Amino acid sequence: EVPTLEVGGWWDQEDMWGPQAEYA
């Protein structure tokens, strides 16, 4: 619906999964 910039970290101890899942 809108331009989206997802951001994540390789060593994110809490939400590593979220940005990659939303992008996918």
mmCIF file of all heavy atoms, coordinates in Angstrom:
data_MODEL
# 
_entry.id   MODEL 
# 
loop_
_atom_site.group_PDB 
_atom_site.id 
_atom_site.type_symbol 
_atom_site.label_atom_id 
_atom_site.label_alt_id 
_atom_site.label_comp_id 
_atom_site.label_asym_id 
_atom_site.label_entity_id 
_atom_site.label_seq_id 
_atom_site.pdbx_PDB_ins_code 
_atom_site.Cartn_x 
_atom_site.Cartn_y 
_atom_site.Cartn_z 
_atom_site.occupancy 
_atom_site.B_iso_or_equiv 
_atom_site.pdbx_formal_charge 
_atom_site.auth_seq_id 
_atom_site.auth_comp_id 
_atom_site.auth_asym_id 
_atom_site.auth_atom_id 
_atom_site.pdbx_PDB_model_num 
ATOM 1   N N   . GLU A 1 1  ? 0.810  -1.215  0.000  1.00 0.00 ? 1  GLU A N   1 
ATOM 2   C CA  . GLU A 1 1  ? 0.000  0.000   0.000  1.00 0.00 ? 1  GLU A CA  1 
ATOM 3   C C   . GLU A 1 1  ? 0.846  1.269   0.000  1.00 0.00 ? 1  GLU A C   1 
ATOM 4   O O   . GLU A 1 1  ? 0.417  2.303   -0.528 1.00 0.00 ? 1  GLU A O   1 
ATOM 5   C CB  . GLU A 1 1  ? -0.938 -0.004  1.210  1.00 0.00 ? 1  GLU A CB  1 
ATOM 6   C CG  . GLU A 1 1  ? -1.922 -1.172  1.205  1.00 0.00 ? 1  GLU A CG  1 
ATOM 7   C CD  . GLU A 1 1  ? -2.974 -1.036  2.285  1.00 0.00 ? 1  GLU A CD  1 
ATOM 8   O OE1 . GLU A 1 1  ? -3.463 0.090   2.527  1.00 0.00 ? 1  GLU A OE1 1 
ATOM 9   O OE2 . GLU A 1 1  ? -3.313 -2.062  2.905  1.00 0.00 ? 1  GLU A OE2 1 
ATOM 10  N N   . VAL A 1 2  ? 2.031  1.201   0.626  1.00 0.00 ? 2  VAL A N   1 
ATOM 11  C CA  . VAL A 1 2  ? 2.917  2.371   0.675  1.00 0.00 ? 2  VAL A CA  1 
ATOM 12  C C   . VAL A 1 2  ? 4.353  1.892   0.553  1.00 0.00 ? 2  VAL A C   1 
ATOM 13  O O   . VAL A 1 2  ? 4.673  0.744   0.881  1.00 0.00 ? 2  VAL A O   1 
ATOM 14  C CB  . VAL A 1 2  ? 2.741  3.167   1.994  1.00 0.00 ? 2  VAL A CB  1 
ATOM 15  C CG1 . VAL A 1 2  ? 1.352  3.740   2.102  1.00 0.00 ? 2  VAL A CG1 1 
ATOM 16  C CG2 . VAL A 1 2  ? 3.039  2.290   3.199  1.00 0.00 ? 2  VAL A CG2 1 
ATOM 17  N N   . PRO A 1 3  ? 5.280  2.754   0.077  1.00 0.00 ? 3  PRO A N   1 
ATOM 18  C CA  . PRO A 1 3  ? 6.699  2.392   0.076  1.00 0.00 ? 3  PRO A CA  1 
ATOM 19  C C   . PRO A 1 3  ? 7.145  1.998   1.485  1.00 0.00 ? 3  PRO A C   1 
ATOM 20  O O   . PRO A 1 3  ? 6.823  2.674   2.467  1.00 0.00 ? 3  PRO A O   1 
ATOM 21  C CB  . PRO A 1 3  ? 7.379  3.672   -0.398 1.00 0.00 ? 3  PRO A CB  1 
ATOM 22  C CG  . PRO A 1 3  ? 6.341  4.355   -1.244 1.00 0.00 ? 3  PRO A CG  1 
ATOM 23  C CD  . PRO A 1 3  ? 5.041  4.071   -0.557 1.00 0.00 ? 3  PRO A CD  1 
ATOM 24  N N   . THR A 1 4  ? 7.881  0.886   1.564  1.00 0.00 ? 4  THR A N   1 
ATOM 25  C CA  . THR A 1 4  ? 8.211  0.282   2.853  1.00 0.00 ? 4  THR A CA  1 
ATOM 26  C C   . THR A 1 4  ? 9.699  -0.031  2.923  1.00 0.00 ? 4  THR A C   1 
ATOM 27  O O   . THR A 1 4  ? 10.235 -0.716  2.036  1.00 0.00 ? 4  THR A O   1 
ATOM 28  C CB  . THR A 1 4  ? 7.404  -1.015  3.061  1.00 0.00 ? 4  THR A CB  1 
ATOM 29  O OG1 . THR A 1 4  ? 5.996  -0.713  2.968  1.00 0.00 ? 4  THR A OG1 1 
ATOM 30  C CG2 . THR A 1 4  ? 7.706  -1.648  4.397  1.00 0.00 ? 4  THR A CG2 1 
ATOM 31  N N   . LEU A 1 5  ? 10.342 0.442   3.974  1.00 0.00 ? 5  LEU A N   1 
ATOM 32  C CA  . LEU A 1 5  ? 11.759 0.164   4.224  1.00 0.00 ? 5  LEU A CA  1 
ATOM 33  C C   . LEU A 1 5  ? 11.861 -0.709  5.467  1.00 0.00 ? 5  LEU A C   1 
ATOM 34  O O   . LEU A 1 5  ? 11.674 -0.238  6.585  1.00 0.00 ? 5  LEU A O   1 
ATOM 35  C CB  . LEU A 1 5  ? 12.534 1.472   4.421  1.00 0.00 ? 5  LEU A CB  1 
ATOM 36  C CG  . LEU A 1 5  ? 14.018 1.342   4.794  1.00 0.00 ? 5  LEU A CG  1 
ATOM 37  C CD1 . LEU A 1 5  ? 14.807 0.688   3.655  1.00 0.00 ? 5  LEU A CD1 1 
ATOM 38  C CD2 . LEU A 1 5  ? 14.611 2.708   5.140  1.00 0.00 ? 5  LEU A CD2 1 
ATOM 39  N N   . GLU A 1 6  ? 12.131 -1.990  5.277  1.00 0.00 ? 6  GLU A N   1 
ATOM 40  C CA  . GLU A 1 6  ? 12.307 -2.933  6.385  1.00 0.00 ? 6  GLU A CA  1 
ATOM 41  C C   . GLU A 1 6  ? 13.777 -2.934  6.810  1.00 0.00 ? 6  GLU A C   1 
ATOM 42  O O   . GLU A 1 6  ? 14.678 -2.921  5.968  1.00 0.00 ? 6  GLU A O   1 
ATOM 43  C CB  . GLU A 1 6  ? 11.901 -4.349  5.959  1.00 0.00 ? 6  GLU A CB  1 
ATOM 44  C CG  . GLU A 1 6  ? 10.441 -4.498  5.594  1.00 0.00 ? 6  GLU A CG  1 
ATOM 45  C CD  . GLU A 1 6  ? 9.539  -4.699  6.803  1.00 0.00 ? 6  GLU A CD  1 
ATOM 46  O OE1 . GLU A 1 6  ? 10.081 -4.821  7.929  1.00 0.00 ? 6  GLU A OE1 1 
ATOM 47  O OE2 . GLU A 1 6  ? 8.309  -4.747  6.619  1.00 0.00 ? 6  GLU A OE2 1 
ATOM 48  N N   . VAL A 1 7  ? 14.013 -2.984  8.118  1.00 0.00 ? 7  VAL A N   1 
ATOM 49  C CA  . VAL A 1 7  ? 15.381 -2.941  8.640  1.00 0.00 ? 7  VAL A CA  1 
ATOM 50  C C   . VAL A 1 7  ? 15.547 -4.018  9.706  1.00 0.00 ? 7  VAL A C   1 
ATOM 51  O O   . VAL A 1 7  ? 14.690 -4.180  10.580 1.00 0.00 ? 7  VAL A O   1 
ATOM 52  C CB  . VAL A 1 7  ? 15.711 -1.559  9.249  1.00 0.00 ? 7  VAL A CB  1 
ATOM 53  C CG1 . VAL A 1 7  ? 17.170 -1.507  9.721  1.00 0.00 ? 7  VAL A CG1 1 
ATOM 54  C CG2 . VAL A 1 7  ? 15.436 -0.448  8.241  1.00 0.00 ? 7  VAL A CG2 1 
ATOM 55  N N   . GLY A 1 8  ? 16.657 -4.758  9.639  1.00 0.00 ? 8  GLY A N   1 
ATOM 56  C CA  . GLY A 1 8  ? 16.921 -5.797  10.626 1.00 0.00 ? 8  GLY A CA  1 
ATOM 57  C C   . GLY A 1 8  ? 18.398 -6.011  10.849 1.00 0.00 ? 8  GLY A C   1 
ATOM 58  O O   . GLY A 1 8  ? 19.239 -5.538  10.074 1.00 0.00 ? 8  GLY A O   1 
ATOM 59  N N   . GLY A 1 9  ? 18.717 -6.728  11.925 1.00 0.00 ? 9  GLY A N   1 
ATOM 60  C CA  . GLY A 1 9  ? 20.105 -6.991  12.279 1.00 0.00 ? 9  GLY A CA  1 
ATOM 61  C C   . GLY A 1 9  ? 20.392 -8.478  12.329 1.00 0.00 ? 9  GLY A C   1 
ATOM 62  O O   . GLY A 1 9  ? 19.550 -9.280  12.748 1.00 0.00 ? 9  GLY A O   1 
ATOM 63  N N   . TRP A 1 10 ? 21.603 -8.862  11.926 1.00 0.00 ? 10 TRP A N   1 
ATOM 64  C CA  . TRP A 1 10 ? 21.989 -10.268 11.940 1.00 0.00 ? 10 TRP A CA  1 
ATOM 65  C C   . TRP A 1 10 ? 22.024 -10.837 13.360 1.00 0.00 ? 10 TRP A C   1 
ATOM 66  O O   . TRP A 1 10 ? 21.856 -12.042 13.552 1.00 0.00 ? 10 TRP A O   1 
ATOM 67  C CB  . TRP A 1 10 ? 23.372 -10.448 11.310 1.00 0.00 ? 10 TRP A CB  1 
ATOM 68  C CG  . TRP A 1 10 ? 23.508 -10.037 9.882  1.00 0.00 ? 10 TRP A CG  1 
ATOM 69  C CD1 . TRP A 1 10 ? 24.454 -9.206  9.342  1.00 0.00 ? 10 TRP A CD1 1 
ATOM 70  C CD2 . TRP A 1 10 ? 22.711 -10.462 8.764  1.00 0.00 ? 10 TRP A CD2 1 
ATOM 71  N NE1 . TRP A 1 10 ? 24.298 -9.075  7.987  1.00 0.00 ? 10 TRP A NE1 1 
ATOM 72  C CE2 . TRP A 1 10 ? 23.230 -9.840  7.600  1.00 0.00 ? 10 TRP A CE2 1 
ATOM 73  C CE3 . TRP A 1 10 ? 21.606 -11.308 8.633  1.00 0.00 ? 10 TRP A CE3 1 
ATOM 74  C CZ2 . TRP A 1 10 ? 22.684 -10.036 6.335  1.00 0.00 ? 10 TRP A CZ2 1 
ATOM 75  C CZ3 . TRP A 1 10 ? 21.066 -11.496 7.374  1.00 0.00 ? 10 TRP A CZ3 1 
ATOM 76  C CH2 . TRP A 1 10 ? 21.601 -10.867 6.243  1.00 0.00 ? 10 TRP A CH2 1 
ATOM 77  N N   . TRP A 1 11 ? 22.280 -9.997  14.347 1.00 0.00 ? 11 TRP A N   1 
ATOM 78  C CA  . TRP A 1 11 ? 22.365 -10.452 15.734 1.00 0.00 ? 11 TRP A CA  1 
ATOM 79  C C   . TRP A 1 11 ? 21.276 -9.797  16.586 1.00 0.00 ? 11 TRP A C   1 
ATOM 80  O O   . TRP A 1 11 ? 21.497 -9.463  17.744 1.00 0.00 ? 11 TRP A O   1 
ATOM 81  C CB  . TRP A 1 11 ? 23.750 -10.149 16.308 1.00 0.00 ? 11 TRP A CB  1 
ATOM 82  C CG  . TRP A 1 11 ? 24.821 -11.046 15.771 1.00 0.00 ? 11 TRP A CG  1 
ATOM 83  C CD1 . TRP A 1 11 ? 25.150 -12.283 16.228 1.00 0.00 ? 11 TRP A CD1 1 
ATOM 84  C CD2 . TRP A 1 11 ? 25.718 -10.779 14.674 1.00 0.00 ? 11 TRP A CD2 1 
ATOM 85  N NE1 . TRP A 1 11 ? 26.185 -12.809 15.499 1.00 0.00 ? 11 TRP A NE1 1 
ATOM 86  C CE2 . TRP A 1 11 ? 26.558 -11.913 14.527 1.00 0.00 ? 11 TRP A CE2 1 
ATOM 87  C CE3 . TRP A 1 11 ? 25.877 -9.710  13.805 1.00 0.00 ? 11 TRP A CE3 1 
ATOM 88  C CZ2 . TRP A 1 11 ? 27.546 -11.990 13.548 1.00 0.00 ? 11 TRP A CZ2 1 
ATOM 89  C CZ3 . TRP A 1 11 ? 26.865 -9.784  12.823 1.00 0.00 ? 11 TRP A CZ3 1 
ATOM 90  C CH2 . TRP A 1 11 ? 27.684 -10.916 12.705 1.00 0.00 ? 11 TRP A CH2 1 
ATOM 91  N N   . ASP A 1 12 ? 20.096 -9.653  16.009 1.00 0.00 ? 12 ASP A N   1 
ATOM 92  C CA  . ASP A 1 12 ? 18.966 -9.085  16.747 1.00 0.00 ? 12 ASP A CA  1 
ATOM 93  C C   . ASP A 1 12 ? 18.439 -10.126 17.721 1.00 0.00 ? 12 ASP A C   1 
ATOM 94  O O   . ASP A 1 12 ? 17.924 -11.169 17.323 1.00 0.00 ? 12 ASP A O   1 
ATOM 95  C CB  . ASP A 1 12 ? 17.860 -8.655  15.784 1.00 0.00 ? 12 ASP A CB  1 
ATOM 96  C CG  . ASP A 1 12 ? 16.761 -7.852  16.463 1.00 0.00 ? 12 ASP A CG  1 
ATOM 97  O OD1 . ASP A 1 12 ? 16.421 -8.173  17.618 1.00 0.00 ? 12 ASP A OD1 1 
ATOM 98  O OD2 . ASP A 1 12 ? 16.235 -6.907  15.842 1.00 0.00 ? 12 ASP A OD2 1 
ATOM 99  N N   . GLN A 1 13 ? 18.546 -9.838  19.010 1.00 0.00 ? 13 GLN A N   1 
ATOM 100 C CA  . GLN A 1 13 ? 18.189 -10.803 20.044 1.00 0.00 ? 13 GLN A CA  1 
ATOM 101 C C   . GLN A 1 13 ? 16.688 -10.860 20.307 1.00 0.00 ? 13 GLN A C   1 
ATOM 102 O O   . GLN A 1 13 ? 16.244 -11.659 21.127 1.00 0.00 ? 13 GLN A O   1 
ATOM 103 C CB  . GLN A 1 13 ? 18.944 -10.481 21.345 1.00 0.00 ? 13 GLN A CB  1 
ATOM 104 C CG  . GLN A 1 13 ? 18.440 -9.273  22.116 1.00 0.00 ? 13 GLN A CG  1 
ATOM 105 C CD  . GLN A 1 13 ? 18.932 -7.924  21.587 1.00 0.00 ? 13 GLN A CD  1 
ATOM 106 O OE1 . GLN A 1 13 ? 19.519 -7.840  20.516 1.00 0.00 ? 13 GLN A OE1 1 
ATOM 107 N NE2 . GLN A 1 13 ? 18.693 -6.868  22.348 1.00 0.00 ? 13 GLN A NE2 1 
ATOM 108 N N   . GLU A 1 14 ? 15.906 -10.029 19.615 1.00 0.00 ? 14 GLU A N   1 
ATOM 109 C CA  . GLU A 1 14 ? 14.467 -9.995  19.869 1.00 0.00 ? 14 GLU A CA  1 
ATOM 110 C C   . GLU A 1 14 ? 13.627 -10.210 18.622 1.00 0.00 ? 14 GLU A C   1 
ATOM 111 O O   . GLU A 1 14 ? 12.703 -11.022 18.629 1.00 0.00 ? 14 GLU A O   1 
ATOM 112 C CB  . GLU A 1 14 ? 14.102 -8.674  20.561 1.00 0.00 ? 14 GLU A CB  1 
ATOM 113 C CG  . GLU A 1 14 ? 14.723 -8.587  21.948 1.00 0.00 ? 14 GLU A CG  1 
ATOM 114 C CD  . GLU A 1 14 ? 14.522 -7.237  22.619 1.00 0.00 ? 14 GLU A CD  1 
ATOM 115 O OE1 . GLU A 1 14 ? 13.562 -6.540  22.253 1.00 0.00 ? 14 GLU A OE1 1 
ATOM 116 O OE2 . GLU A 1 14 ? 15.322 -6.891  23.495 1.00 0.00 ? 14 GLU A OE2 1 
ATOM 117 N N   . ASP A 1 15 ? 13.893 -9.478  17.551 1.00 0.00 ? 15 ASP A N   1 
ATOM 118 C CA  . ASP A 1 15 ? 13.012 -9.531  16.384 1.00 0.00 ? 15 ASP A CA  1 
ATOM 119 C C   . ASP A 1 15 ? 13.811 -9.647  15.091 1.00 0.00 ? 15 ASP A C   1 
ATOM 120 O O   . ASP A 1 15 ? 13.634 -8.864  14.152 1.00 0.00 ? 15 ASP A O   1 
ATOM 121 C CB  . ASP A 1 15 ? 12.114 -8.287  16.360 1.00 0.00 ? 15 ASP A CB  1 
ATOM 122 C CG  . ASP A 1 15 ? 11.214 -8.223  17.583 1.00 0.00 ? 15 ASP A CG  1 
ATOM 123 O OD1 . ASP A 1 15 ? 10.461 -9.178  17.804 1.00 0.00 ? 15 ASP A OD1 1 
ATOM 124 O OD2 . ASP A 1 15 ? 11.294 -7.234  18.330 1.00 0.00 ? 15 ASP A OD2 1 
ATOM 125 N N   . MET A 1 16 ? 14.666 -10.645 15.018 1.00 0.00 ? 16 MET A N   1 
ATOM 126 C CA  . MET A 1 16 ? 15.403 -10.917 13.789 1.00 0.00 ? 16 MET A CA  1 
ATOM 127 C C   . MET A 1 16 ? 14.470 -11.420 12.692 1.00 0.00 ? 16 MET A C   1 
ATOM 128 O O   . MET A 1 16 ? 14.650 -11.122 11.507 1.00 0.00 ? 16 MET A O   1 
ATOM 129 C CB  . MET A 1 16 ? 16.492 -11.953 14.064 1.00 0.00 ? 16 MET A CB  1 
ATOM 130 C CG  . MET A 1 16 ? 17.371 -12.288 12.867 1.00 0.00 ? 16 MET A CG  1 
ATOM 131 S SD  . MET A 1 16 ? 18.405 -13.738 13.191 1.00 0.00 ? 16 MET A SD  1 
ATOM 132 C CE  . MET A 1 16 ? 19.248 -13.238 14.669 1.00 0.00 ? 16 MET A CE  1 
ATOM 133 N N   . TRP A 1 17 ? 13.458 -12.167 13.086 1.00 0.00 ? 17 TRP A N   1 
ATOM 134 C CA  . TRP A 1 17 ? 12.565 -12.821 12.127 1.00 0.00 ? 17 TRP A CA  1 
ATOM 135 C C   . TRP A 1 17 ? 11.663 -11.815 11.418 1.00 0.00 ? 17 TRP A C   1 
ATOM 136 O O   . TRP A 1 17 ? 11.415 -11.923 10.217 1.00 0.00 ? 17 TRP A O   1 
ATOM 137 C CB  . TRP A 1 17 ? 11.710 -13.839 12.886 1.00 0.00 ? 17 TRP A CB  1 
ATOM 138 C CG  . TRP A 1 17 ? 10.915 -14.783 12.044 1.00 0.00 ? 17 TRP A CG  1 
ATOM 139 C CD1 . TRP A 1 17 ? 11.325 -15.965 11.501 1.00 0.00 ? 17 TRP A CD1 1 
ATOM 140 C CD2 . TRP A 1 17 ? 9.541  -14.632 11.659 1.00 0.00 ? 17 TRP A CD2 1 
ATOM 141 N NE1 . TRP A 1 17 ? 10.297 -16.567 10.813 1.00 0.00 ? 17 TRP A NE1 1 
ATOM 142 C CE2 . TRP A 1 17 ? 9.193  -15.766 10.895 1.00 0.00 ? 17 TRP A CE2 1 
ATOM 143 C CE3 . TRP A 1 17 ? 8.573  -13.659 11.889 1.00 0.00 ? 17 TRP A CE3 1 
ATOM 144 C CZ2 . TRP A 1 17 ? 7.923  -15.944 10.354 1.00 0.00 ? 17 TRP A CZ2 1 
ATOM 145 C CZ3 . TRP A 1 17 ? 7.306  -13.833 11.351 1.00 0.00 ? 17 TRP A CZ3 1 
ATOM 146 C CH2 . TRP A 1 17 ? 6.992  -14.961 10.603 1.00 0.00 ? 17 TRP A CH2 1 
ATOM 147 N N   . GLY A 1 18 ? 11.164 -10.815 12.148 1.00 0.00 ? 18 GLY A N   1 
ATOM 148 C CA  . GLY A 1 18 ? 10.134 -9.925  11.650 1.00 0.00 ? 18 GLY A CA  1 
ATOM 149 C C   . GLY A 1 18 ? 10.416 -9.224  10.339 1.00 0.00 ? 18 GLY A C   1 
ATOM 150 O O   . GLY A 1 18 ? 9.615  -9.316  9.387  1.00 0.00 ? 18 GLY A O   1 
ATOM 151 N N   . PRO A 1 19 ? 11.534 -8.487  10.221 1.00 0.00 ? 19 PRO A N   1 
ATOM 152 C CA  . PRO A 1 19 ? 11.745 -7.738  8.973  1.00 0.00 ? 19 PRO A CA  1 
ATOM 153 C C   . PRO A 1 19 ? 11.897 -8.637  7.753  1.00 0.00 ? 19 PRO A C   1 
ATOM 154 O O   . PRO A 1 19 ? 11.410 -8.293  6.670  1.00 0.00 ? 19 PRO A O   1 
ATOM 155 C CB  . PRO A 1 19 ? 13.022 -6.933  9.247  1.00 0.00 ? 19 PRO A CB  1 
ATOM 156 C CG  . PRO A 1 19 ? 13.673 -7.599  10.406 1.00 0.00 ? 19 PRO A CG  1 
ATOM 157 C CD  . PRO A 1 19 ? 12.582 -8.209  11.217 1.00 0.00 ? 19 PRO A CD  1 
ATOM 158 N N   . GLN A 1 20 ? 12.551 -9.782  7.918  1.00 0.00 ? 20 GLN A N   1 
ATOM 159 C CA  . GLN A 1 20 ? 12.707 -10.686 6.779  1.00 0.00 ? 20 GLN A CA  1 
ATOM 160 C C   . GLN A 1 20 ? 11.373 -11.326 6.405  1.00 0.00 ? 20 GLN A C   1 
ATOM 161 O O   . GLN A 1 20 ? 11.092 -11.535 5.214  1.00 0.00 ? 20 GLN A O   1 
ATOM 162 C CB  . GLN A 1 20 ? 13.754 -11.756 7.110  1.00 0.00 ? 20 GLN A CB  1 
ATOM 163 C CG  . GLN A 1 20 ? 15.145 -11.172 7.327  1.00 0.00 ? 20 GLN A CG  1 
ATOM 164 C CD  . GLN A 1 20 ? 16.184 -12.211 7.678  1.00 0.00 ? 20 GLN A CD  1 
ATOM 165 O OE1 . GLN A 1 20 ? 16.365 -13.198 6.964  1.00 0.00 ? 20 GLN A OE1 1 
ATOM 166 N NE2 . GLN A 1 20 ? 16.887 -12.011 8.782  1.00 0.00 ? 20 GLN A NE2 1 
ATOM 167 N N   . ALA A 1 21 ? 10.544 -11.616 7.406  1.00 0.00 ? 21 ALA A N   1 
ATOM 168 C CA  . ALA A 1 21 ? 9.233  -12.209 7.126  1.00 0.00 ? 21 ALA A CA  1 
ATOM 169 C C   . ALA A 1 21 ? 8.305  -11.206 6.451  1.00 0.00 ? 21 ALA A C   1 
ATOM 170 O O   . ALA A 1 21 ? 7.550  -11.561 5.530  1.00 0.00 ? 21 ALA A O   1 
ATOM 171 C CB  . ALA A 1 21 ? 8.611  -12.724 8.424  1.00 0.00 ? 21 ALA A CB  1 
ATOM 172 N N   . GLU A 1 22 ? 8.329  -9.947  6.900  1.00 0.00 ? 22 GLU A N   1 
ATOM 173 C CA  . GLU A 1 22 ? 7.474  -8.942  6.275  1.00 0.00 ? 22 GLU A CA  1 
ATOM 174 C C   . GLU A 1 22 ? 7.913  -8.670  4.843  1.00 0.00 ? 22 GLU A C   1 
ATOM 175 O O   . GLU A 1 22 ? 7.080  -8.531  3.939  1.00 0.00 ? 22 GLU A O   1 
ATOM 176 C CB  . GLU A 1 22 ? 7.476  -7.662  7.114  1.00 0.00 ? 22 GLU A CB  1 
ATOM 177 C CG  . GLU A 1 22 ? 6.743  -7.828  8.434  1.00 0.00 ? 22 GLU A CG  1 
ATOM 178 C CD  . GLU A 1 22 ? 6.569  -6.535  9.207  1.00 0.00 ? 22 GLU A CD  1 
ATOM 179 O OE1 . GLU A 1 22 ? 7.085  -5.485  8.766  1.00 0.00 ? 22 GLU A OE1 1 
ATOM 180 O OE2 . GLU A 1 22 ? 5.911  -6.574  10.253 1.00 0.00 ? 22 GLU A OE2 1 
ATOM 181 N N   . TYR A 1 23 ? 9.224  -8.588  4.639  1.00 0.00 ? 23 TYR A N   1 
ATOM 182 C CA  . TYR A 1 23 ? 9.722  -8.396  3.277  1.00 0.00 ? 23 TYR A CA  1 
ATOM 183 C C   . TYR A 1 23 ? 9.279  -9.568  2.390  1.00 0.00 ? 23 TYR A C   1 
ATOM 184 O O   . TYR A 1 23 ? 8.803  -9.363  1.261  1.00 0.00 ? 23 TYR A O   1 
ATOM 185 C CB  . TYR A 1 23 ? 11.242 -8.281  3.292  1.00 0.00 ? 23 TYR A CB  1 
ATOM 186 C CG  . TYR A 1 23 ? 11.880 -8.349  1.916  1.00 0.00 ? 23 TYR A CG  1 
ATOM 187 C CD1 . TYR A 1 23 ? 12.041 -7.201  1.152  1.00 0.00 ? 23 TYR A CD1 1 
ATOM 188 C CD2 . TYR A 1 23 ? 12.294 -9.567  1.374  1.00 0.00 ? 23 TYR A CD2 1 
ATOM 189 C CE1 . TYR A 1 23 ? 12.613 -7.261  -0.116 1.00 0.00 ? 23 TYR A CE1 1 
ATOM 190 C CE2 . TYR A 1 23 ? 12.856 -9.643  0.118  1.00 0.00 ? 23 TYR A CE2 1 
ATOM 191 C CZ  . TYR A 1 23 ? 13.012 -8.492  -0.625 1.00 0.00 ? 23 TYR A CZ  1 
ATOM 192 O OH  . TYR A 1 23 ? 13.568 -8.560  -1.871 1.00 0.00 ? 23 TYR A OH  1 
ATOM 193 N N   . ALA A 1 24 ? 9.427  -10.798 2.889  1.00 0.00 ? 24 ALA A N   1 
ATOM 194 C CA  . ALA A 1 24 ? 9.059  -11.975 2.103  1.00 0.00 ? 24 ALA A CA  1 
ATOM 195 C C   . ALA A 1 24 ? 7.569  -11.985 1.771  1.00 0.00 ? 24 ALA A C   1 
ATOM 196 O O   . ALA A 1 24 ? 7.175  -12.425 0.688  1.00 0.00 ? 24 ALA A O   1 
ATOM 197 C CB  . ALA A 1 24 ? 9.438  -13.243 2.867  1.00 0.00 ? 24 ALA A CB  1 
# 
